[in-house]
PDB file of N, CA and C in Angstrom:
ATOM      1  N   MET A   1      -8.243   5.970  17.255  1.00  0.00           N
ATOM      2  CA  MET A   1      -8.575   4.998  16.166  1.00  0.00           C
ATOM      3  C   MET A   1      -7.244   4.321  14.982  1.00  0.00           C
ATOM      4  N   GLY A   2      -7.228   2.887  15.145  1.00  0.00           N
ATOM      5  CA  GLY A   2      -6.251   2.421  14.457  1.00  0.00           C
ATOM      6  C   GLY A   2      -6.171   3.306  12.543  1.00  0.00           C
ATOM      7  N   SER A   3      -5.025   3.016  12.101  1.00  0.00           N
ATOM      8  CA  SER A   3      -4.373   3.034  11.202  1.00  0.00           C
ATOM      9  C   SER A   3      -5.499   1.940  10.028  1.00  0.00           C
ATOM     10  N   SER A   4      -5.850   2.908   8.884  1.00  0.00           N
ATOM     11  CA  SER A   4      -6.142   1.932   7.433  1.00  0.00           C
ATOM     12  C   SER A   4      -5.197   1.861   6.875  1.00  0.00           C
ATOM     13  N   TYR A   5      -4.493   1.569   7.370  1.00  0.00           N
ATOM     14  CA  TYR A   5      -2.397   1.243   5.812  1.00  0.00           C
ATOM     15  C   TYR A   5      -1.807   0.384   7.407  1.00  0.00           C
ATOM     16  N   THR A   6      -1.517  -0.106   6.762  1.00  0.00           N
ATOM     17  CA  THR A   6      -0.085  -1.365   7.354  1.00  0.00           C
ATOM     18  C   THR A   6       0.590  -1.537   6.408  1.00  0.00           C
ATOM     19  N   VAL A   7       1.999  -2.228   7.310  1.00  0.00           N
ATOM     20  CA  VAL A   7       3.541  -2.804   6.330  1.00  0.00           C
ATOM     21  C   VAL A   7       3.695  -3.741   6.218  1.00  0.00           C
ATOM     22  N   THR A   8       4.132  -4.559   5.279  1.00  0.00           N
ATOM     23  CA  THR A   8       4.402  -5.607   5.811  1.00  0.00           C
ATOM     24  C   THR A   8       6.021  -5.766   4.917  1.00  0.00           C
ATOM     25  N   GLU A   9       6.301  -5.935   5.853  1.00  0.00           N
ATOM     26  CA  GLU A   9       8.028  -5.246   6.044  1.00  0.00           C
ATOM     27  C   GLU A   9       8.815  -5.979   5.075  1.00  0.00           C
ATOM     28  N   SER A  10      10.308  -5.452   4.622  1.00  0.00           N
ATOM     29  CA  SER A  10      10.706  -6.196   3.575  1.00  0.00           C
ATOM     30  C   SER A  10      11.450  -6.766   4.160  1.00  0.00           C
ATOM     31  N   ASP A  11      12.540  -7.908   4.399  1.00  0.00           N
ATOM     32  CA  ASP A  11      13.455  -8.595   4.649  1.00  0.00           C
ATOM     33  C   ASP A  11      14.274  -9.327   3.456  1.00  0.00           C
ATOM     34  N   GLU A  12      15.454 -10.032   3.970  1.00  0.00           N
ATOM     35  CA  GLU A  12      15.806 -10.747   3.359  1.00  0.00           C
ATOM     36  C   GLU A  12      16.392 -11.185   1.779  1.00  0.00           C
ATOM     37  N   THR A  13      14.477 -11.852   1.676  1.00  0.00           N
ATOM     38  CA  THR A  13      14.243 -12.643   1.238  1.00  0.00           C
ATOM     39  C   THR A  13      12.941 -12.111  -0.304  1.00  0.00           C
ATOM     40  N   ALA A  14      13.075 -10.960   0.492  1.00  0.00           N
ATOM     41  CA  ALA A  14      12.265  -9.719  -0.553  1.00  0.00           C
ATOM     42  C   ALA A  14      12.730  -8.400  -0.418  1.00  0.00           C
ATOM     43  N   TYR A  15      13.178  -7.972  -1.414  1.00  0.00           N
ATOM     44  CA  TYR A  15      13.669  -6.661  -1.251  1.00  0.00           C
ATOM     45  C   TYR A  15      12.506  -5.265  -2.179  1.00  0.00           C
ATOM     46  N   GLY A  16      11.544  -5.127  -1.063  1.00  0.00           N
ATOM     47  CA  GLY A  16      10.617  -4.511  -1.246  1.00  0.00           C
ATOM     48  C   GLY A  16       9.380  -4.249  -0.671  1.00  0.00           C
ATOM     49  N   SER A  17       9.275  -3.192   0.351  1.00  0.00           N
ATOM     50  CA  SER A  17       7.720  -3.302   1.102  1.00  0.00           C
ATOM     51  C   SER A  17       6.944  -2.780   1.038  1.00  0.00           C
ATOM     52  N   LEU A  18       5.538  -3.072   1.408  1.00  0.00           N
ATOM     53  CA  LEU A  18       4.418  -3.517   1.266  1.00  0.00           C
ATOM     54  C   LEU A  18       3.334  -2.834   1.988  1.00  0.00           C
ATOM     55  N   ILE A  19       2.847  -1.893   0.721  1.00  0.00           N
ATOM     56  CA  ILE A  19       2.321  -0.718   1.870  1.00  0.00           C
ATOM     57  C   ILE A  19       0.212  -1.315   1.193  1.00  0.00           C
ATOM     58  N   LEU A  20      -0.286  -1.355   2.335  1.00  0.00           N
ATOM     59  CA  LEU A  20      -1.410  -2.364   2.304  1.00  0.00           C
ATOM     60  C   LEU A  20      -2.849  -0.883   2.889  1.00  0.00           C
ATOM     61  N   LEU A  21      -3.502  -1.271   2.109  1.00  0.00           N
ATOM     62  CA  LEU A  21      -4.860  -0.181   2.370  1.00  0.00           C
ATOM     63  C   LEU A  21      -6.141  -0.769   3.582  1.00  0.00           C
ATOM     64  N   HIS A  22      -6.915  -0.943   3.876  1.00  0.00           N
ATOM     65  CA  HIS A  22      -8.165  -1.433   4.615  1.00  0.00           C
ATOM     66  C   HIS A  22      -6.991  -3.190   3.831  1.00  0.00           C
ATOM     67  N   GLY A  23      -5.800  -3.508   3.964  1.00  0.00           N
ATOM     68  CA  GLY A  23      -5.805  -4.973   3.779  1.00  0.00           C
ATOM     69  C   GLY A  23      -5.230  -5.614   2.064  1.00  0.00           C
ATOM     70  N   LYS A  24      -5.196  -4.541   1.514  1.00  0.00           N
ATOM     71  CA  LYS A  24      -4.944  -4.802   0.280  1.00  0.00           C
ATOM     72  C   LYS A  24      -4.327  -4.078  -0.058  1.00  0.00           C
ATOM     73  N   VAL A  25      -2.979  -4.636  -1.499  1.00  0.00           N
ATOM     74  CA  VAL A  25      -1.696  -3.587  -1.036  1.00  0.00           C
ATOM     75  C   VAL A  25      -2.075  -2.395  -2.382  1.00  0.00           C
ATOM     76  N   LEU A  26      -1.221  -1.683  -2.040  1.00  0.00           N
ATOM     77  CA  LEU A  26      -1.344  -0.473  -2.489  1.00  0.00           C
ATOM     78  C   LEU A  26      -0.338   0.183  -3.112  1.00  0.00           C
ATOM     79  N   LEU A  27       0.732  -0.035  -2.232  1.00  0.00           N
ATOM     80  CA  LEU A  27       1.884   0.420  -3.314  1.00  0.00           C
ATOM     81  C   LEU A  27       3.197  -0.898  -2.636  1.00  0.00           C
ATOM     82  N   ILE A  28       4.459  -0.485  -3.680  1.00  0.00           N
ATOM     83  CA  ILE A  28       5.492  -1.062  -3.301  1.00  0.00           C
ATOM     84  C   ILE A  28       6.219  -0.684  -3.567  1.00  0.00           C
ATOM     85  N   THR A  29       7.496  -0.625  -2.875  1.00  0.00           N
ATOM     86  CA  THR A  29       8.646   0.431  -2.459  1.00  0.00           C
ATOM     87  C   THR A  29       9.129   0.063  -3.677  1.00  0.00           C
ATOM     88  N   GLY A  30       9.551   0.947  -4.730  1.00  0.00           N
ATOM     89  CA  GLY A  30      10.766   0.177  -5.588  1.00  0.00           C
ATOM     90  C   GLY A  30      12.429   1.535  -5.416  1.00  0.00           C
ATOM     91  N   ILE A  31      12.584   1.564  -4.392  1.00  0.00           N
ATOM     92  CA  ILE A  31      13.736   1.891  -4.781  1.00  0.00           C
ATOM     93  C   ILE A  31      15.300   1.044  -5.129  1.00  0.00           C
ATOM     94  N   SER A  32      16.581   1.906  -5.060  1.00  0.00           N
ATOM     95  CA  SER A  32      17.179   1.172  -5.816  1.00  0.00           C
ATOM     96  C   SER A  32      18.063   0.452  -4.707  1.00  0.00           C
ATOM     97  N   SER A  33      17.860   0.143  -3.689  1.00  0.00           N
ATOM     98  CA  SER A  33      18.389  -0.341  -2.745  1.00  0.00           C
ATOM     99  C   SER A  33      18.021  -2.589  -2.942  1.00  0.00           C
ATOM    100  N   ASP A  34      19.599  -2.598  -1.870  1.00  0.00           N
ATOM    101  CA  ASP A  34      18.950  -4.561  -1.537  1.00  0.00           C
ATOM    102  C   ASP A  34      19.628  -4.322   0.216  1.00  0.00           C
ATOM    103  N   HIS A  35      18.883  -3.342   0.118  1.00  0.00           N
ATOM    104  CA  HIS A  35      18.943  -3.740   1.625  1.00  0.00           C
ATOM    105  C   HIS A  35      17.319  -3.566   2.139  1.00  0.00           C
ATOM    106  N   PRO A  36      16.938  -4.608   3.030  1.00  0.00           N
ATOM    107  CA  PRO A  36      15.496  -4.406   3.324  1.00  0.00           C
ATOM    108  C   PRO A  36      15.604  -3.072   4.297  1.00  0.00           C
ATOM    109  N   THR A  37      16.336  -2.911   4.631  1.00  0.00           N
ATOM    110  CA  THR A  37      15.905  -1.097   6.268  1.00  0.00           C
ATOM    111  C   THR A  37      15.958  -0.507   5.373  1.00  0.00           C
ATOM    112  N   GLU A  38      15.967   0.448   4.097  1.00  0.00           N
ATOM    113  CA  GLU A  38      15.840   1.248   3.410  1.00  0.00           C
ATOM    114  C   GLU A  38      14.216   1.211   2.620  1.00  0.00           C
ATOM    115  N   HIS A  39      13.598  -0.164   2.298  1.00  0.00           N
ATOM    116  CA  HIS A  39      12.489   0.014   2.240  1.00  0.00           C
ATOM    117  C   HIS A  39      11.724   0.054   3.381  1.00  0.00           C
ATOM    118  N   ASN A  40      11.610  -0.083   4.097  1.00  0.00           N
ATOM    119  CA  ASN A  40      11.002  -0.305   5.790  1.00  0.00           C
ATOM    120  C   ASN A  40      11.038   0.909   5.812  1.00  0.00           C
ATOM    121  N   ARG A  41      12.185   1.649   6.380  1.00  0.00           N
ATOM    122  CA  ARG A  41      11.968   3.208   6.118  1.00  0.00           C
ATOM    123  C   ARG A  41      11.196   3.837   5.703  1.00  0.00           C
ATOM    124  N   LEU A  42      11.989   3.764   4.216  1.00  0.00           N
ATOM    125  CA  LEU A  42      10.411   4.232   3.091  1.00  0.00           C
ATOM    126  C   LEU A  42       8.898   3.975   3.201  1.00  0.00           C
ATOM    127  N   ALA A  43       8.333   2.828   3.915  1.00  0.00           N
ATOM    128  CA  ALA A  43       7.401   2.729   3.989  1.00  0.00           C
ATOM    129  C   ALA A  43       6.616   3.361   5.075  1.00  0.00           C
ATOM    130  N   ARG A  44       7.781   3.177   6.051  1.00  0.00           N
ATOM    131  CA  ARG A  44       7.127   3.630   6.973  1.00  0.00           C
ATOM    132  C   ARG A  44       6.837   5.589   6.987  1.00  0.00           C
ATOM    133  N   LEU A  45       7.816   6.201   6.598  1.00  0.00           N
ATOM    134  CA  LEU A  45       7.675   7.382   5.776  1.00  0.00           C
ATOM    135  C   LEU A  45       5.795   7.621   4.912  1.00  0.00           C
ATOM    136  N   MET A  46       6.300   7.005   4.054  1.00  0.00           N
ATOM    137  CA  MET A  46       4.978   6.847   3.346  1.00  0.00           C
ATOM    138  C   MET A  46       3.459   6.643   3.334  1.00  0.00           C
ATOM    139  N   VAL A  47       3.719   5.895   5.089  1.00  0.00           N
ATOM    140  CA  VAL A  47       2.408   5.937   5.597  1.00  0.00           C
ATOM    141  C   VAL A  47       2.024   6.886   6.264  1.00  0.00           C
ATOM    142  N   GLY A  48       2.830   7.521   6.878  1.00  0.00           N
ATOM    143  CA  GLY A  48       2.821   8.995   7.762  1.00  0.00           C
ATOM    144  C   GLY A  48       1.916   9.308   6.616  1.00  0.00           C
ATOM    145  N   VAL A  49       3.013  10.273   5.400  1.00  0.00           N
ATOM    146  CA  VAL A  49       2.065  11.410   4.430  1.00  0.00           C
ATOM    147  C   VAL A  49       0.692  10.489   3.882  1.00  0.00           C
ATOM    148  N   LEU A  50       0.389   9.292   3.775  1.00  0.00           N
ATOM    149  CA  LEU A  50      -0.673   9.033   3.686  1.00  0.00           C
ATOM    150  C   LEU A  50      -1.762   8.922   4.457  1.00  0.00           C
ATOM    151  N   GLU A  51      -1.452   9.126   5.737  1.00  0.00           N
ATOM    152  CA  GLU A  51      -2.762   9.308   7.214  1.00  0.00           C
ATOM    153  C   GLU A  51      -2.662  10.475   7.066  1.00  0.00           C
ATOM    154  N   ARG A  52      -2.070  11.462   6.588  1.00  0.00           N
ATOM    155  CA  ARG A  52      -2.650  12.743   6.741  1.00  0.00           C
ATOM    156  C   ARG A  52      -3.315  13.234   5.808  1.00  0.00           C
ATOM    157  N   LEU A  53      -3.816  12.827   5.066  1.00  0.00           N
ATOM    158  CA  LEU A  53      -4.331  13.115   3.676  1.00  0.00           C
ATOM    159  C   LEU A  53      -6.294  13.546   4.317  1.00  0.00           C
ATOM    160  N   THR A  54      -6.298  14.357   4.106  1.00  0.00           N
ATOM    161  CA  THR A  54      -7.890  15.068   4.410  1.00  0.00           C
ATOM    162  C   THR A  54      -8.711  14.032   4.462  1.00  0.00           C
ATOM    163  N   PRO A  55      -9.888  14.054   5.104  1.00  0.00           N
ATOM    164  CA  PRO A  55     -11.548  12.958   4.781  1.00  0.00           C
ATOM    165  C   PRO A  55     -11.794  12.749   3.182  1.00  0.00           C
ATOM    166  N   THR A  56     -11.780  14.446   2.328  1.00  0.00           N
ATOM    167  CA  THR A  56     -12.220  13.469   1.146  1.00  0.00           C
ATOM    168  C   THR A  56     -10.874  13.363   0.622  1.00  0.00           C
ATOM    169  N   GLU A  57      -9.573  13.503   0.899  1.00  0.00           N
ATOM    170  CA  GLU A  57      -8.414  12.858  -0.238  1.00  0.00           C
ATOM    171  C   GLU A  57      -8.580  11.083  -0.058  1.00  0.00           C
ATOM    172  N   GLN A  58      -8.948  10.939   1.198  1.00  0.00           N
ATOM    173  CA  GLN A  58      -8.414   9.347   1.268  1.00  0.00           C
ATOM    174  C   GLN A  58     -10.035   8.977   1.114  1.00  0.00           C
ATOM    175  N   ALA A  59     -11.153   9.621   1.267  1.00  0.00           N
ATOM    176  CA  ALA A  59     -12.497   8.977   0.111  1.00  0.00           C
ATOM    177  C   ALA A  59     -12.231   8.797  -1.309  1.00  0.00           C
ATOM    178  N   GLU A  60     -11.604   9.980  -1.554  1.00  0.00           N
ATOM    179  CA  GLU A  60     -11.171   9.705  -2.965  1.00  0.00           C
ATOM    180  C   GLU A  60     -10.294   8.573  -3.676  1.00  0.00           C
ATOM    181  N   LEU A  61      -9.144   8.300  -2.695  1.00  0.00           N
ATOM    182  CA  LEU A  61      -8.412   6.814  -2.711  1.00  0.00           C
ATOM    183  C   LEU A  61      -9.191   5.345  -2.202  1.00  0.00           C
ATOM    184  N   ASP A  62     -10.014   5.916  -1.668  1.00  0.00           N
ATOM    185  CA  ASP A  62     -10.759   4.528  -1.521  1.00  0.00           C
ATOM    186  C   ASP A  62     -11.745   4.013  -2.152  1.00  0.00           C
ATOM    187  N   ARG A  63     -12.495   5.082  -2.814  1.00  0.00           N
ATOM    188  CA  ARG A  63     -12.902   4.778  -4.154  1.00  0.00           C
ATOM    189  C   ARG A  63     -12.057   3.911  -5.504  1.00  0.00           C
ATOM    190  N   ILE A  64     -10.731   5.185  -5.517  1.00  0.00           N
ATOM    191  CA  ILE A  64      -9.772   4.575  -6.557  1.00  0.00           C
ATOM    192  C   ILE A  64     -10.124   2.557  -5.726  1.00  0.00           C
ATOM    193  N   VAL A  65      -9.305   2.561  -5.654  1.00  0.00           N
ATOM    194  CA  VAL A  65      -8.262   1.187  -5.110  1.00  0.00           C
ATOM    195  C   VAL A  65     -10.336   0.279  -5.118  1.00  0.00           C
ATOM    196  N   GLY A  66     -11.493   0.687  -4.737  1.00  0.00           N
ATOM    197  CA  GLY A  66     -12.324   0.446  -4.855  1.00  0.00           C
ATOM    198  C   GLY A  66     -12.470  -0.311  -6.475  1.00  0.00           C
ATOM    199  N   ALA A  67     -12.790   0.604  -6.819  1.00  0.00           N
ATOM    200  CA  ALA A  67     -12.884   0.329  -8.489  1.00  0.00           C
ATOM    201  C   ALA A  67     -12.088  -0.611  -9.049  1.00  0.00           C
ATOM    202  N   HIS A  68     -10.872  -0.727  -8.592  1.00  0.00           N
ATOM    203  CA  HIS A  68      -9.586  -1.570  -9.480  1.00  0.00           C
ATOM    204  C   HIS A  68     -10.206  -2.322  -8.860  1.00  0.00           C
ATOM    205  N   GLU A  69     -10.591  -2.888  -7.503  1.00  0.00           N
ATOM    206  CA  GLU A  69     -10.859  -4.231  -6.987  1.00  0.00           C
ATOM    207  C   GLU A  69     -12.225  -4.919  -7.320  1.00  0.00           C
ATOM    208  N   ASP A  70     -13.198  -3.946  -7.550  1.00  0.00           N
ATOM    209  CA  ASP A  70     -14.257  -4.353  -8.608  1.00  0.00           C
ATOM    210  C   ASP A  70     -13.275  -5.261  -9.785  1.00  0.00           C
ATOM    211  N   ARG A  71     -12.859  -3.835 -10.498  1.00  0.00           N
ATOM    212  CA  ARG A  71     -12.462  -4.571 -11.882  1.00  0.00           C
ATOM    213  C   ARG A  71     -12.055  -6.340 -11.637  1.00  0.00           C
ATOM    214  N   TRP A  72     -10.505  -5.679 -10.788  1.00  0.00           N
ATOM    215  CA  TRP A  72     -10.015  -6.926 -11.202  1.00  0.00           C
ATOM    216  C   TRP A  72     -11.210  -8.218 -10.825  1.00  0.00           C
ATOM    217  N   SER A  73     -11.652  -8.136  -9.493  1.00  0.00           N
ATOM    218  CA  SER A  73     -12.767  -8.923  -9.046  1.00  0.00           C
ATOM    219  C   SER A  73     -13.350  -9.522 -10.616  1.00  0.00           C
ATOM    220  N   GLN A  74     -14.004  -9.054 -11.020  1.00  0.00           N
ATOM    221  CA  GLN A  74     -15.380  -8.738 -12.050  1.00  0.00           C
ATOM    222  C   GLN A  74     -14.083  -9.942 -13.233  1.00  0.00           C
ATOM    223  N   GLU A  75     -13.239  -9.379 -13.406  1.00  0.00           N
ATOM    224  CA  GLU A  75     -12.341  -9.928 -14.604  1.00  0.00           C
ATOM    225  C   GLU A  75     -11.622 -11.546 -14.425  1.00  0.00           C
ATOM    226  N   ALA A  76     -11.043 -11.587 -13.058  1.00  0.00           N
ATOM    227  CA  ALA A  76     -10.900 -12.887 -12.246  1.00  0.00           C
ATOM    228  C   ALA A  76     -12.631 -13.981 -12.545  1.00  0.00           C
ATOM    229  N   ARG A  77     -13.723 -13.495 -12.111  1.00  0.00           N
ATOM    230  CA  ARG A  77     -14.392 -14.505 -12.698  1.00  0.00           C
ATOM    231  C   ARG A  77     -14.777 -14.664 -13.606  1.00  0.00           C
ATOM    232  N   LYS A  78     -14.137 -13.929 -14.727  1.00  0.00           N
ATOM    233  CA  LYS A  78     -14.441 -14.350 -16.058  1.00  0.00           C
ATOM    234  C   LYS A  78     -13.755 -15.388 -16.659  1.00  0.00           C
ATOM    235  N   GLN A  79     -12.342 -15.453 -16.104  1.00  0.00           N
ATOM    236  CA  GLN A  79     -11.430 -16.649 -16.212  1.00  0.00           C
ATOM    237  C   GLN A  79     -11.552 -17.764 -16.327  1.00  0.00           C
TER     238      GLN A  79
END
């Protein structure tokens, strides 16, 4: 089974890697480094940790991210 997490790697134009859950941004690396390699290494390590969440923990994370997405979508429709 494939991972629910993907990484959009940092490059020379953006110092920060994006960690996505189900295609939505979950985390952005925010280390004090002006080199993309360190951001990308950190992102891959973080995904390794996230992939080890228990099913209960993953369900809670999905619930939190889903609730935020629902609220953001409702606010965007109001504007």
